[in-house]
Amino acid sequence: MGFTIGGIRDKRSGSRRRGRASECTAVAEYTGLWGWDVVPGARARRGPDGGASECSCGRSNCPSPGAHPLGFAPEVQAGATLEKVTKAWSEVPGAAVLLPVGRAFDVIEVAEPAGRRALVRLERMGLPLGPVVGTPHGRAQFLVAPGGAAELPSLLYRMGWDDAGLDLHGLGPGSHITAPPSDLAGLGPVRWLRPPTLDTAGRPPQARLLLGTLAYVTHRLAV
């Protein structure tokens, strides 16, 4: 039996069941081990040209196919066990795993090449690092302490990077990021460039500690 979310059906039941088990395990890890809330999200299928053609929410004019929460599905709260996660996910089979931003963490996003190079520099300098997500459309998302997105403009100004036109953006409350093992907008799977640990999941670094390096590398790769 295939799954249906708002009209999209997939008849590959064997692979879908295995995928669902993997998603439940990942969600239980996020809630039970890392202490993060998880939100069931929409998914999209690729069209003939390789782009996302339709969203599982069922809206023909969906503005963010496969990249938004399912409005009818309740979130799975931090602390939920595998049993609770499995029960909740059985109500939304095939949903993507989304993490709400602005609670346990904010996000600083840069192009993935800049993010990878910055990771090397930051590790060499011994600066604190949190989890980092790599997306299928070439972005690196650095998880930082809550409030980092709001501080970003003033931090860039104080560091002298405010007028550099950097490809560097902050995501704060109200935003969501897609988490592994889910795919994003039908483009492919999201992956960890730096996975969470017990030390970093609950205490991501302050944005100011990473921003100088991220801004410098982003600027250097753009020139």
N, C-alpha and C. Protein backbone atom coordinates (compact mmCIF):
# COMPACT_ATOMS: atom_id res chain seq x y z
N MET A 1 0.86 -1.20 0.00
CA MET A 1 0.00 0.00 0.00
C MET A 1 0.88 1.23 0.00
N GLY A 2 0.66 2.13 -0.94
CA GLY A 2 1.47 3.34 -1.04
C GLY A 2 1.01 4.41 -0.08
N PHE A 3 1.77 5.49 0.02
CA PHE A 3 1.37 6.58 0.91
C PHE A 3 0.74 7.71 0.13
N THR A 4 -0.07 8.46 0.82
CA THR A 4 -0.70 9.63 0.21
C THR A 4 -0.63 10.80 1.17
N ILE A 5 -0.11 11.91 0.71
CA ILE A 5 -0.16 13.16 1.47
C ILE A 5 -0.72 14.20 0.52
N GLY A 6 -1.94 14.57 0.71
CA GLY A 6 -2.52 15.62 -0.11
C GLY A 6 -2.56 15.25 -1.58
N GLY A 7 -2.56 13.97 -1.91
CA GLY A 7 -2.78 13.59 -3.28
C GLY A 7 -1.64 12.89 -3.98
N ILE A 8 -0.41 12.94 -3.47
CA ILE A 8 0.71 12.27 -4.11
C ILE A 8 0.77 10.83 -3.60
N ARG A 9 0.89 9.86 -4.52
CA ARG A 9 0.93 8.45 -4.14
C ARG A 9 2.20 7.82 -4.65
N ASP A 10 2.78 6.96 -3.82
CA ASP A 10 3.97 6.21 -4.21
C ASP A 10 3.69 4.74 -3.95
N LYS A 11 3.76 3.91 -4.98
CA LYS A 11 3.42 2.51 -4.85
C LYS A 11 4.60 1.62 -4.48
N ARG A 12 5.78 2.19 -4.34
CA ARG A 12 6.94 1.39 -3.99
C ARG A 12 6.94 1.13 -2.49
N SER A 13 6.03 0.24 -2.02
CA SER A 13 5.75 0.10 -0.60
C SER A 13 6.95 -0.41 0.19
N GLY A 14 7.73 -1.35 -0.38
CA GLY A 14 8.86 -1.88 0.35
C GLY A 14 9.89 -0.82 0.67
N SER A 15 10.32 -0.06 -0.34
CA SER A 15 11.30 0.99 -0.12
C SER A 15 10.72 2.09 0.74
N ARG A 16 9.42 2.34 0.60
CA ARG A 16 8.79 3.38 1.40
C ARG A 16 8.76 3.01 2.87
N ARG A 17 8.50 1.73 3.18
CA ARG A 17 8.50 1.30 4.58
C ARG A 17 9.89 1.44 5.18
N ARG A 18 10.91 1.06 4.40
CA ARG A 18 12.27 1.22 4.91
C ARG A 18 12.60 2.69 5.13
N GLY A 19 12.17 3.54 4.19
CA GLY A 19 12.40 4.97 4.35
C GLY A 19 11.69 5.54 5.56
N ARG A 20 10.47 5.05 5.79
CA ARG A 20 9.71 5.53 6.94
C ARG A 20 10.40 5.15 8.24
N ALA A 21 10.93 3.91 8.33
CA ALA A 21 11.65 3.48 9.52
C ALA A 21 12.87 4.36 9.76
N SER A 22 13.59 4.68 8.68
CA SER A 22 14.77 5.54 8.80
C SER A 22 14.37 6.92 9.30
N GLU A 23 13.28 7.46 8.76
CA GLU A 23 12.81 8.78 9.20
C GLU A 23 12.41 8.76 10.66
N CYS A 24 11.70 7.72 11.10
CA CYS A 24 11.29 7.64 12.50
C CYS A 24 12.49 7.58 13.42
N THR A 25 13.49 6.81 13.04
CA THR A 25 14.71 6.72 13.85
C THR A 25 15.39 8.07 13.95
N ALA A 26 15.49 8.78 12.81
CA ALA A 26 16.12 10.09 12.80
C ALA A 26 15.33 11.07 13.66
N VAL A 27 14.00 11.07 13.52
CA VAL A 27 13.18 12.00 14.31
C VAL A 27 13.33 11.72 15.79
N ALA A 28 13.34 10.43 16.18
CA ALA A 28 13.50 10.07 17.59
C ALA A 28 14.86 10.52 18.12
N GLU A 29 15.88 10.47 17.25
CA GLU A 29 17.19 10.97 17.65
C GLU A 29 17.16 12.47 17.87
N TYR A 30 16.50 13.18 16.96
CA TYR A 30 16.41 14.64 17.09
C TYR A 30 15.66 15.04 18.35
N THR A 31 14.55 14.36 18.63
CA THR A 31 13.74 14.74 19.79
C THR A 31 14.33 14.22 21.10
N GLY A 32 14.71 12.94 21.10
CA GLY A 32 15.13 12.32 22.35
C GLY A 32 16.57 12.55 22.73
N LEU A 33 17.46 12.63 21.72
CA LEU A 33 18.89 12.76 22.00
C LEU A 33 19.35 14.20 21.94
N TRP A 34 18.92 14.92 20.91
CA TRP A 34 19.39 16.30 20.73
C TRP A 34 18.46 17.33 21.35
N GLY A 35 17.23 16.95 21.70
CA GLY A 35 16.33 17.88 22.36
C GLY A 35 15.72 18.92 21.43
N TRP A 36 15.46 18.54 20.17
CA TRP A 36 14.88 19.44 19.19
C TRP A 36 13.43 19.06 18.89
N ASP A 37 12.60 20.06 18.66
CA ASP A 37 11.26 19.82 18.11
C ASP A 37 11.39 19.46 16.63
N VAL A 38 10.46 18.66 16.13
CA VAL A 38 10.45 18.26 14.73
C VAL A 38 9.06 18.50 14.16
N VAL A 39 9.01 19.01 12.93
CA VAL A 39 7.75 19.33 12.27
C VAL A 39 7.62 18.48 11.00
N PRO A 40 6.51 17.77 10.81
CA PRO A 40 6.31 17.05 9.54
C PRO A 40 6.17 18.03 8.38
N GLY A 41 6.88 17.76 7.30
CA GLY A 41 6.89 18.69 6.18
C GLY A 41 6.43 18.06 4.88
N ALA A 42 6.13 18.92 3.91
CA ALA A 42 5.72 18.49 2.58
C ALA A 42 6.91 17.95 1.81
N ARG A 43 6.59 17.19 0.76
CA ARG A 43 7.62 16.71 -0.16
C ARG A 43 7.21 17.02 -1.58
N ALA A 44 8.18 17.03 -2.47
CA ALA A 44 7.91 17.31 -3.88
C ALA A 44 8.57 16.27 -4.75
N ARG A 45 7.97 16.05 -5.92
CA ARG A 45 8.55 15.17 -6.93
C ARG A 45 9.17 16.01 -8.03
N ARG A 46 10.23 15.47 -8.60
CA ARG A 46 10.86 16.15 -9.72
C ARG A 46 10.00 16.03 -10.97
N GLY A 47 9.98 17.09 -11.74
CA GLY A 47 9.30 17.07 -13.03
C GLY A 47 10.22 16.53 -14.10
N PRO A 48 9.74 16.46 -15.34
CA PRO A 48 10.56 15.94 -16.44
C PRO A 48 11.86 16.70 -16.66
N ASP A 49 11.86 17.99 -16.31
CA ASP A 49 13.07 18.79 -16.51
C ASP A 49 14.01 18.75 -15.32
N GLY A 50 13.68 17.94 -14.32
CA GLY A 50 14.55 17.82 -13.15
C GLY A 50 14.15 18.71 -12.00
N GLY A 51 13.20 19.60 -12.18
CA GLY A 51 12.75 20.47 -11.11
C GLY A 51 11.55 19.90 -10.39
N ALA A 52 11.24 20.46 -9.22
CA ALA A 52 10.08 20.00 -8.46
C ALA A 52 8.80 20.37 -9.20
N SER A 53 7.93 19.40 -9.43
CA SER A 53 6.74 19.66 -10.22
C SER A 53 5.46 19.77 -9.40
N GLU A 54 5.36 19.00 -8.35
CA GLU A 54 4.17 19.09 -7.53
C GLU A 54 4.50 18.82 -6.07
N CYS A 55 3.75 19.46 -5.21
CA CYS A 55 3.99 19.39 -3.78
C CYS A 55 2.97 18.46 -3.14
N SER A 56 3.40 17.73 -2.12
CA SER A 56 2.50 16.79 -1.46
C SER A 56 1.40 17.47 -0.65
N CYS A 57 1.46 18.80 -0.51
CA CYS A 57 0.38 19.50 0.19
C CYS A 57 -0.88 19.55 -0.67
N GLY A 58 -0.73 19.28 -1.98
CA GLY A 58 -1.89 19.24 -2.85
C GLY A 58 -2.25 20.56 -3.50
N ARG A 59 -1.54 21.64 -3.17
CA ARG A 59 -1.83 22.94 -3.76
C ARG A 59 -1.12 23.07 -5.10
N SER A 60 -1.87 23.34 -6.13
CA SER A 60 -1.27 23.46 -7.46
C SER A 60 -0.39 24.69 -7.58
N ASN A 61 -0.65 25.70 -6.76
CA ASN A 61 0.13 26.94 -6.80
C ASN A 61 1.01 27.09 -5.57
N CYS A 62 1.46 25.99 -5.00
CA CYS A 62 2.27 26.03 -3.78
C CYS A 62 3.53 26.88 -4.04
N PRO A 63 3.80 27.88 -3.20
CA PRO A 63 4.95 28.76 -3.42
C PRO A 63 6.29 28.11 -3.06
N SER A 64 6.26 27.05 -2.24
CA SER A 64 7.50 26.38 -1.81
C SER A 64 7.32 24.88 -1.86
N PRO A 65 7.22 24.31 -3.07
CA PRO A 65 6.96 22.87 -3.17
C PRO A 65 8.00 22.02 -2.44
N GLY A 66 7.51 21.18 -1.54
CA GLY A 66 8.41 20.29 -0.83
C GLY A 66 9.34 20.96 0.14
N ALA A 67 9.02 22.16 0.60
CA ALA A 67 9.93 22.88 1.50
C ALA A 67 9.16 23.70 2.53
N HIS A 68 8.08 23.13 3.05
CA HIS A 68 7.30 23.85 4.07
C HIS A 68 6.60 22.85 4.98
N PRO A 69 6.20 23.27 6.18
CA PRO A 69 5.49 22.36 7.08
C PRO A 69 4.12 21.99 6.52
N LEU A 70 3.64 20.82 6.92
CA LEU A 70 2.27 20.43 6.63
C LEU A 70 1.37 21.07 7.67
N GLY A 71 0.51 21.98 7.23
CA GLY A 71 -0.28 22.75 8.17
C GLY A 71 -1.20 21.93 9.06
N PHE A 72 -1.62 20.76 8.59
CA PHE A 72 -2.57 19.96 9.35
C PHE A 72 -1.88 19.00 10.32
N ALA A 73 -0.56 18.90 10.28
CA ALA A 73 0.16 17.89 11.07
C ALA A 73 0.80 18.53 12.30
N PRO A 74 0.51 18.03 13.50
CA PRO A 74 1.13 18.59 14.70
C PRO A 74 2.62 18.25 14.77
N GLU A 75 3.38 19.13 15.40
CA GLU A 75 4.81 18.88 15.53
C GLU A 75 5.06 17.82 16.59
N VAL A 76 6.23 17.19 16.49
CA VAL A 76 6.66 16.21 17.48
C VAL A 76 7.63 16.94 18.41
N GLN A 77 7.29 17.00 19.66
CA GLN A 77 8.02 17.85 20.59
C GLN A 77 9.29 17.19 21.10
N ALA A 78 10.24 18.01 21.50
CA ALA A 78 11.49 17.54 22.08
C ALA A 78 11.20 16.61 23.24
N GLY A 79 11.95 15.51 23.32
CA GLY A 79 11.76 14.52 24.37
C GLY A 79 10.94 13.32 23.95
N ALA A 80 10.31 13.39 22.77
CA ALA A 80 9.48 12.28 22.30
C ALA A 80 10.33 11.03 22.07
N THR A 81 9.82 9.89 22.49
CA THR A 81 10.51 8.62 22.33
C THR A 81 10.25 8.05 20.94
N LEU A 82 10.98 6.98 20.60
CA LEU A 82 10.79 6.33 19.31
C LEU A 82 9.35 5.84 19.17
N GLU A 83 8.78 5.32 20.24
CA GLU A 83 7.40 4.85 20.19
C GLU A 83 6.44 5.99 19.86
N LYS A 84 6.62 7.12 20.50
CA LYS A 84 5.76 8.27 20.24
C LYS A 84 5.98 8.81 18.83
N VAL A 85 7.23 8.83 18.40
CA VAL A 85 7.54 9.32 17.06
C VAL A 85 6.90 8.42 16.01
N THR A 86 7.04 7.11 16.17
CA THR A 86 6.47 6.17 15.21
C THR A 86 4.97 6.33 15.11
N LYS A 87 4.32 6.53 16.23
CA LYS A 87 2.87 6.73 16.24
C LYS A 87 2.50 8.03 15.52
N ALA A 88 3.25 9.11 15.81
CA ALA A 88 2.96 10.40 15.19
C ALA A 88 3.23 10.35 13.69
N TRP A 89 4.34 9.71 13.28
CA TRP A 89 4.71 9.69 11.85
C TRP A 89 3.80 8.77 11.05
N SER A 90 3.13 7.82 11.72
CA SER A 90 2.19 6.96 11.01
C SER A 90 0.98 7.75 10.51
N GLU A 91 0.76 8.91 11.10
CA GLU A 91 -0.34 9.78 10.66
C GLU A 91 0.04 10.61 9.45
N VAL A 92 1.32 10.73 9.17
CA VAL A 92 1.79 11.53 8.03
C VAL A 92 2.86 10.77 7.26
N PRO A 93 2.57 9.55 6.80
CA PRO A 93 3.60 8.76 6.11
C PRO A 93 4.14 9.48 4.89
N GLY A 94 5.44 9.48 4.77
CA GLY A 94 6.07 10.17 3.64
C GLY A 94 6.42 11.61 3.91
N ALA A 95 6.11 12.12 5.10
CA ALA A 95 6.42 13.52 5.40
C ALA A 95 7.93 13.73 5.50
N ALA A 96 8.35 14.93 5.16
CA ALA A 96 9.76 15.31 5.33
C ALA A 96 10.01 15.72 6.78
N VAL A 97 11.25 15.63 7.18
CA VAL A 97 11.65 15.99 8.54
C VAL A 97 12.13 17.44 8.53
N LEU A 98 11.38 18.31 9.21
CA LEU A 98 11.75 19.72 9.30
C LEU A 98 12.08 20.08 10.74
N LEU A 99 13.04 20.98 10.90
CA LEU A 99 13.42 21.48 12.22
C LEU A 99 13.06 22.96 12.31
N PRO A 100 12.26 23.36 13.30
CA PRO A 100 11.92 24.78 13.45
C PRO A 100 13.12 25.58 13.92
N VAL A 101 13.34 26.71 13.29
CA VAL A 101 14.46 27.59 13.63
C VAL A 101 13.98 28.62 14.64
N GLY A 102 14.88 29.06 15.51
CA GLY A 102 14.55 30.11 16.46
C GLY A 102 14.24 29.60 17.85
N ARG A 103 14.27 28.30 18.05
CA ARG A 103 14.02 27.72 19.37
C ARG A 103 15.35 27.25 19.98
N ALA A 104 15.82 26.09 19.55
CA ALA A 104 17.10 25.59 20.04
C ALA A 104 18.28 26.21 19.30
N PHE A 105 18.02 26.76 18.13
CA PHE A 105 19.10 27.32 17.31
C PHE A 105 18.56 28.27 16.27
N ASP A 106 19.41 29.18 15.80
CA ASP A 106 19.21 29.94 14.57
C ASP A 106 20.16 29.38 13.52
N VAL A 107 20.12 29.93 12.32
CA VAL A 107 20.94 29.41 11.23
C VAL A 107 21.62 30.55 10.49
N ILE A 108 22.89 30.37 10.18
CA ILE A 108 23.60 31.23 9.23
C ILE A 108 23.87 30.39 7.99
N GLU A 109 23.42 30.87 6.84
CA GLU A 109 23.51 30.10 5.59
C GLU A 109 24.45 30.77 4.61
N VAL A 110 25.33 29.98 4.01
CA VAL A 110 26.26 30.46 2.98
C VAL A 110 26.31 29.40 1.87
N ALA A 111 26.96 29.74 0.77
CA ALA A 111 27.18 28.75 -0.29
C ALA A 111 28.04 27.61 0.27
N GLU A 112 27.78 26.38 -0.18
CA GLU A 112 28.47 25.23 0.38
C GLU A 112 29.99 25.29 0.21
N PRO A 113 30.53 25.71 -0.94
CA PRO A 113 31.99 25.80 -1.03
C PRO A 113 32.60 26.71 0.03
N ALA A 114 31.95 27.84 0.28
CA ALA A 114 32.43 28.74 1.33
C ALA A 114 32.28 28.10 2.70
N GLY A 115 31.16 27.41 2.90
CA GLY A 115 30.94 26.76 4.18
C GLY A 115 31.97 25.69 4.48
N ARG A 116 32.29 24.88 3.48
CA ARG A 116 33.29 23.82 3.68
C ARG A 116 34.67 24.42 4.00
N ARG A 117 35.04 25.47 3.26
CA ARG A 117 36.34 26.09 3.50
C ARG A 117 36.36 26.76 4.88
N ALA A 118 35.25 27.37 5.26
CA ALA A 118 35.19 28.01 6.58
C ALA A 118 35.28 26.96 7.70
N LEU A 119 34.66 25.81 7.49
CA LEU A 119 34.74 24.74 8.49
C LEU A 119 36.18 24.36 8.78
N VAL A 120 36.99 24.23 7.73
CA VAL A 120 38.39 23.87 7.91
C VAL A 120 39.11 24.94 8.72
N ARG A 121 38.90 26.20 8.37
CA ARG A 121 39.55 27.31 9.08
C ARG A 121 39.12 27.35 10.55
N LEU A 122 37.82 27.22 10.78
CA LEU A 122 37.30 27.30 12.14
C LEU A 122 37.83 26.16 13.01
N GLU A 123 37.92 24.97 12.44
CA GLU A 123 38.45 23.83 13.19
C GLU A 123 39.92 24.03 13.51
N ARG A 124 40.68 24.58 12.55
CA ARG A 124 42.11 24.83 12.79
C ARG A 124 42.30 25.87 13.89
N MET A 125 41.40 26.84 13.97
CA MET A 125 41.50 27.89 14.98
C MET A 125 40.98 27.43 16.33
N GLY A 126 40.36 26.25 16.36
CA GLY A 126 39.85 25.73 17.63
C GLY A 126 38.61 26.44 18.13
N LEU A 127 37.90 27.10 17.23
CA LEU A 127 36.68 27.80 17.62
C LEU A 127 35.53 26.81 17.78
N PRO A 128 34.59 27.12 18.67
CA PRO A 128 33.46 26.20 18.87
C PRO A 128 32.59 26.12 17.63
N LEU A 129 32.15 24.93 17.32
CA LEU A 129 31.32 24.70 16.15
C LEU A 129 30.11 23.88 16.52
N GLY A 130 28.99 24.19 15.88
CA GLY A 130 27.80 23.39 16.04
C GLY A 130 27.55 22.55 14.82
N PRO A 131 26.39 21.92 14.74
CA PRO A 131 26.05 21.13 13.56
C PRO A 131 25.97 22.01 12.31
N VAL A 132 26.26 21.41 11.16
CA VAL A 132 26.19 22.11 9.87
C VAL A 132 25.50 21.20 8.87
N VAL A 133 24.50 21.74 8.19
CA VAL A 133 23.71 20.99 7.21
C VAL A 133 24.14 21.38 5.81
N GLY A 134 24.23 20.40 4.91
CA GLY A 134 24.47 20.66 3.50
C GLY A 134 23.21 20.34 2.70
N THR A 135 22.79 21.25 1.85
CA THR A 135 21.55 21.05 1.10
C THR A 135 21.86 20.63 -0.34
N PRO A 136 20.88 20.02 -1.03
CA PRO A 136 21.13 19.58 -2.41
C PRO A 136 21.25 20.71 -3.41
N HIS A 137 20.88 21.94 -3.01
CA HIS A 137 21.06 23.06 -3.93
C HIS A 137 22.27 23.92 -3.55
N GLY A 138 23.23 23.28 -2.86
CA GLY A 138 24.53 23.90 -2.67
C GLY A 138 24.64 24.94 -1.59
N ARG A 139 23.91 24.77 -0.49
CA ARG A 139 24.01 25.69 0.62
C ARG A 139 24.53 24.97 1.86
N ALA A 140 25.24 25.71 2.71
CA ALA A 140 25.69 25.20 4.00
C ALA A 140 24.98 26.00 5.08
N GLN A 141 24.33 25.30 6.00
CA GLN A 141 23.55 25.94 7.06
C GLN A 141 24.21 25.65 8.40
N PHE A 142 24.79 26.70 9.00
CA PHE A 142 25.48 26.59 10.28
C PHE A 142 24.48 26.87 11.40
N LEU A 143 24.33 25.92 12.31
CA LEU A 143 23.44 26.13 13.45
C LEU A 143 24.18 26.93 14.52
N VAL A 144 23.56 28.03 14.93
CA VAL A 144 24.16 28.91 15.93
C VAL A 144 23.13 29.16 17.04
N ALA A 145 23.55 29.83 18.08
CA ALA A 145 22.67 30.07 19.22
C ALA A 145 21.46 30.91 18.82
N PRO A 146 20.32 30.68 19.46
CA PRO A 146 19.13 31.49 19.17
C PRO A 146 19.43 32.98 19.31
N GLY A 147 18.86 33.77 18.42
CA GLY A 147 19.10 35.21 18.40
C GLY A 147 20.16 35.62 17.41
N GLY A 148 20.90 34.66 16.86
CA GLY A 148 21.98 34.98 15.93
C GLY A 148 21.51 35.65 14.66
N ALA A 149 20.35 35.23 14.15
CA ALA A 149 19.84 35.82 12.91
C ALA A 149 19.49 37.29 13.11
N ALA A 150 18.88 37.61 14.24
CA ALA A 150 18.52 39.00 14.52
C ALA A 150 19.76 39.88 14.71
N GLU A 151 20.82 39.30 15.25
CA GLU A 151 22.05 40.05 15.49
C GLU A 151 22.89 40.23 14.23
N LEU A 152 22.59 39.47 13.19
CA LEU A 152 23.47 39.42 12.03
C LEU A 152 23.76 40.80 11.42
N PRO A 153 22.75 41.64 11.14
CA PRO A 153 23.06 42.94 10.54
C PRO A 153 24.02 43.79 11.37
N SER A 154 23.79 43.84 12.69
CA SER A 154 24.66 44.66 13.53
C SER A 154 26.05 44.05 13.65
N LEU A 155 26.14 42.73 13.68
CA LEU A 155 27.45 42.08 13.74
C LEU A 155 28.25 42.35 12.47
N LEU A 156 27.60 42.24 11.32
CA LEU A 156 28.28 42.51 10.06
C LEU A 156 28.73 43.96 9.99
N TYR A 157 27.92 44.87 10.51
CA TYR A 157 28.27 46.29 10.52
C TYR A 157 29.52 46.53 11.38
N ARG A 158 29.54 45.94 12.58
CA ARG A 158 30.67 46.15 13.47
C ARG A 158 31.95 45.53 12.92
N MET A 159 31.82 44.48 12.13
CA MET A 159 32.99 43.83 11.55
C MET A 159 33.41 44.44 10.22
N GLY A 160 32.63 45.39 9.72
CA GLY A 160 32.96 46.05 8.48
C GLY A 160 32.54 45.30 7.23
N TRP A 161 31.62 44.34 7.37
CA TRP A 161 31.18 43.54 6.23
C TRP A 161 29.77 43.90 5.78
N ASP A 162 29.20 44.96 6.31
CA ASP A 162 27.79 45.25 6.05
C ASP A 162 27.53 45.70 4.62
N ASP A 163 28.52 46.27 3.93
CA ASP A 163 28.30 46.76 2.58
C ASP A 163 29.04 45.92 1.53
N ALA A 164 29.39 44.68 1.90
CA ALA A 164 30.18 43.85 1.00
C ALA A 164 29.31 43.00 0.07
N GLY A 165 28.00 43.05 0.23
CA GLY A 165 27.11 42.26 -0.62
C GLY A 165 27.36 40.76 -0.52
N LEU A 166 27.57 40.29 0.68
CA LEU A 166 27.92 38.88 0.89
C LEU A 166 26.73 37.96 0.67
N ASP A 167 27.01 36.79 0.13
CA ASP A 167 26.00 35.74 0.02
C ASP A 167 25.96 34.99 1.35
N LEU A 168 25.42 35.68 2.35
CA LEU A 168 25.40 35.18 3.72
C LEU A 168 24.09 35.65 4.35
N HIS A 169 23.30 34.71 4.85
CA HIS A 169 21.96 35.05 5.31
C HIS A 169 21.66 34.37 6.65
N GLY A 170 20.81 35.00 7.43
CA GLY A 170 20.38 34.42 8.69
C GLY A 170 18.94 33.94 8.63
N LEU A 171 18.67 32.82 9.29
CA LEU A 171 17.32 32.30 9.42
C LEU A 171 16.97 32.27 10.90
N GLY A 172 15.83 32.88 11.24
CA GLY A 172 15.43 32.95 12.63
C GLY A 172 14.05 32.40 12.86
N PRO A 173 13.38 32.83 13.94
CA PRO A 173 12.06 32.30 14.27
C PRO A 173 11.08 32.39 13.11
N GLY A 174 10.29 31.34 12.94
CA GLY A 174 9.34 31.27 11.85
C GLY A 174 9.84 30.51 10.65
N SER A 175 11.16 30.27 10.59
CA SER A 175 11.76 29.50 9.49
C SER A 175 11.89 28.03 9.89
N HIS A 176 12.09 27.20 8.88
CA HIS A 176 12.34 25.78 9.10
C HIS A 176 13.46 25.33 8.16
N ILE A 177 14.24 24.38 8.60
CA ILE A 177 15.21 23.75 7.70
C ILE A 177 14.87 22.27 7.57
N THR A 178 15.14 21.73 6.39
CA THR A 178 14.96 20.30 6.16
C THR A 178 16.16 19.56 6.73
N ALA A 179 15.88 18.47 7.44
CA ALA A 179 16.94 17.72 8.11
C ALA A 179 17.14 16.36 7.47
N PRO A 180 18.35 15.82 7.53
CA PRO A 180 18.59 14.45 7.06
C PRO A 180 17.67 13.47 7.81
N PRO A 181 17.16 12.44 7.15
CA PRO A 181 17.51 11.94 5.82
C PRO A 181 16.57 12.42 4.72
N SER A 182 15.81 13.47 4.96
CA SER A 182 14.79 13.91 4.00
C SER A 182 15.42 14.61 2.80
N ASP A 183 14.65 14.66 1.70
CA ASP A 183 15.09 15.45 0.56
C ASP A 183 14.44 16.82 0.61
N LEU A 184 14.97 17.74 -0.16
CA LEU A 184 14.51 19.12 -0.14
C LEU A 184 13.96 19.51 -1.49
N ALA A 185 12.68 19.81 -1.54
CA ALA A 185 12.03 20.34 -2.74
C ALA A 185 12.21 19.45 -3.97
N GLY A 186 12.35 18.15 -3.75
CA GLY A 186 12.52 17.24 -4.86
C GLY A 186 13.89 17.28 -5.51
N LEU A 187 14.84 17.99 -4.90
CA LEU A 187 16.17 18.16 -5.50
C LEU A 187 17.17 17.10 -5.06
N GLY A 188 16.90 16.43 -3.97
CA GLY A 188 17.82 15.43 -3.46
C GLY A 188 17.89 15.49 -1.95
N PRO A 189 18.65 14.56 -1.34
CA PRO A 189 18.70 14.49 0.12
C PRO A 189 19.55 15.58 0.75
N VAL A 190 19.14 15.96 1.95
CA VAL A 190 19.93 16.84 2.80
C VAL A 190 20.90 15.96 3.60
N ARG A 191 22.08 16.48 3.92
CA ARG A 191 23.07 15.68 4.63
C ARG A 191 23.77 16.56 5.68
N TRP A 192 24.42 15.90 6.60
CA TRP A 192 25.21 16.61 7.61
C TRP A 192 26.62 16.84 7.09
N LEU A 193 27.07 18.09 7.05
CA LEU A 193 28.48 18.39 6.83
C LEU A 193 29.24 18.26 8.15
N ARG A 194 28.54 18.53 9.23
CA ARG A 194 29.08 18.31 10.57
C ARG A 194 27.91 17.89 11.45
N PRO A 195 27.83 16.62 11.81
CA PRO A 195 26.65 16.13 12.53
C PRO A 195 26.59 16.65 13.96
N PRO A 196 25.40 16.65 14.53
CA PRO A 196 25.25 17.08 15.93
C PRO A 196 25.91 16.09 16.88
N THR A 197 26.31 16.59 18.02
CA THR A 197 26.83 15.76 19.10
C THR A 197 26.15 16.18 20.40
N LEU A 198 26.38 15.42 21.45
CA LEU A 198 25.78 15.77 22.74
C LEU A 198 26.27 17.13 23.21
N ASP A 199 27.49 17.49 22.86
CA ASP A 199 28.05 18.77 23.30
C ASP A 199 27.52 19.94 22.50
N THR A 200 27.21 19.73 21.22
CA THR A 200 26.89 20.86 20.35
C THR A 200 25.40 21.05 20.08
N ALA A 201 24.61 19.98 20.18
CA ALA A 201 23.19 20.09 19.82
C ALA A 201 22.44 21.06 20.72
N GLY A 202 22.71 21.00 22.00
CA GLY A 202 22.00 21.87 22.94
C GLY A 202 22.69 23.19 23.21
N ARG A 203 23.95 23.31 22.76
CA ARG A 203 24.71 24.54 23.01
C ARG A 203 25.43 24.97 21.75
N PRO A 204 24.69 25.36 20.72
CA PRO A 204 25.38 25.82 19.50
C PRO A 204 26.12 27.12 19.77
N PRO A 205 27.16 27.42 19.00
CA PRO A 205 27.99 28.60 19.27
C PRO A 205 27.27 29.91 18.98
N GLN A 206 27.73 30.96 19.60
CA GLN A 206 27.23 32.30 19.29
C GLN A 206 27.64 32.67 17.86
N ALA A 207 26.75 33.34 17.15
CA ALA A 207 27.01 33.69 15.76
C ALA A 207 28.29 34.51 15.60
N ARG A 208 28.57 35.38 16.56
CA ARG A 208 29.72 36.27 16.44
C ARG A 208 31.04 35.51 16.38
N LEU A 209 31.08 34.29 16.93
CA LEU A 209 32.31 33.52 16.94
C LEU A 209 32.65 32.94 15.57
N LEU A 210 31.63 32.75 14.74
CA LEU A 210 31.83 32.18 13.41
C LEU A 210 31.80 33.21 12.30
N LEU A 211 31.15 34.32 12.57
CA LEU A 211 30.79 35.23 11.49
C LEU A 211 31.98 35.82 10.76
N GLY A 212 33.04 36.18 11.49
CA GLY A 212 34.20 36.77 10.83
C GLY A 212 34.79 35.85 9.78
N THR A 213 34.94 34.59 10.14
CA THR A 213 35.50 33.61 9.19
C THR A 213 34.55 33.36 8.04
N LEU A 214 33.26 33.20 8.34
CA LEU A 214 32.28 32.96 7.28
C LEU A 214 32.23 34.13 6.30
N ALA A 215 32.26 35.35 6.82
CA ALA A 215 32.22 36.53 5.96
C ALA A 215 33.48 36.63 5.11
N TYR A 216 34.64 36.39 5.72
CA TYR A 216 35.90 36.49 4.99
C TYR A 216 35.97 35.47 3.85
N VAL A 217 35.63 34.22 4.14
CA VAL A 217 35.72 33.17 3.11
C VAL A 217 34.68 33.41 2.02
N THR A 218 33.49 33.81 2.42
CA THR A 218 32.45 34.10 1.43
C THR A 218 32.89 35.21 0.47
N HIS A 219 33.51 36.24 1.05
CA HIS A 219 33.98 37.36 0.23
C HIS A 219 35.11 36.91 -0.70
N ARG A 220 36.05 36.13 -0.17
CA ARG A 220 37.21 35.70 -0.99
C ARG A 220 36.76 34.84 -2.17
N LEU A 221 35.80 33.97 -1.96
CA LEU A 221 35.35 33.09 -3.04
C LEU A 221 34.49 33.82 -4.07
N ALA A 222 34.00 34.99 -3.68
CA ALA A 222 33.14 35.74 -4.61
C ALA A 222 33.93 36.63 -5.54
N VAL A 223 35.18 36.94 -5.21
CA VAL A 223 35.98 37.86 -6.02
C VAL A 223 36.79 37.11 -7.07
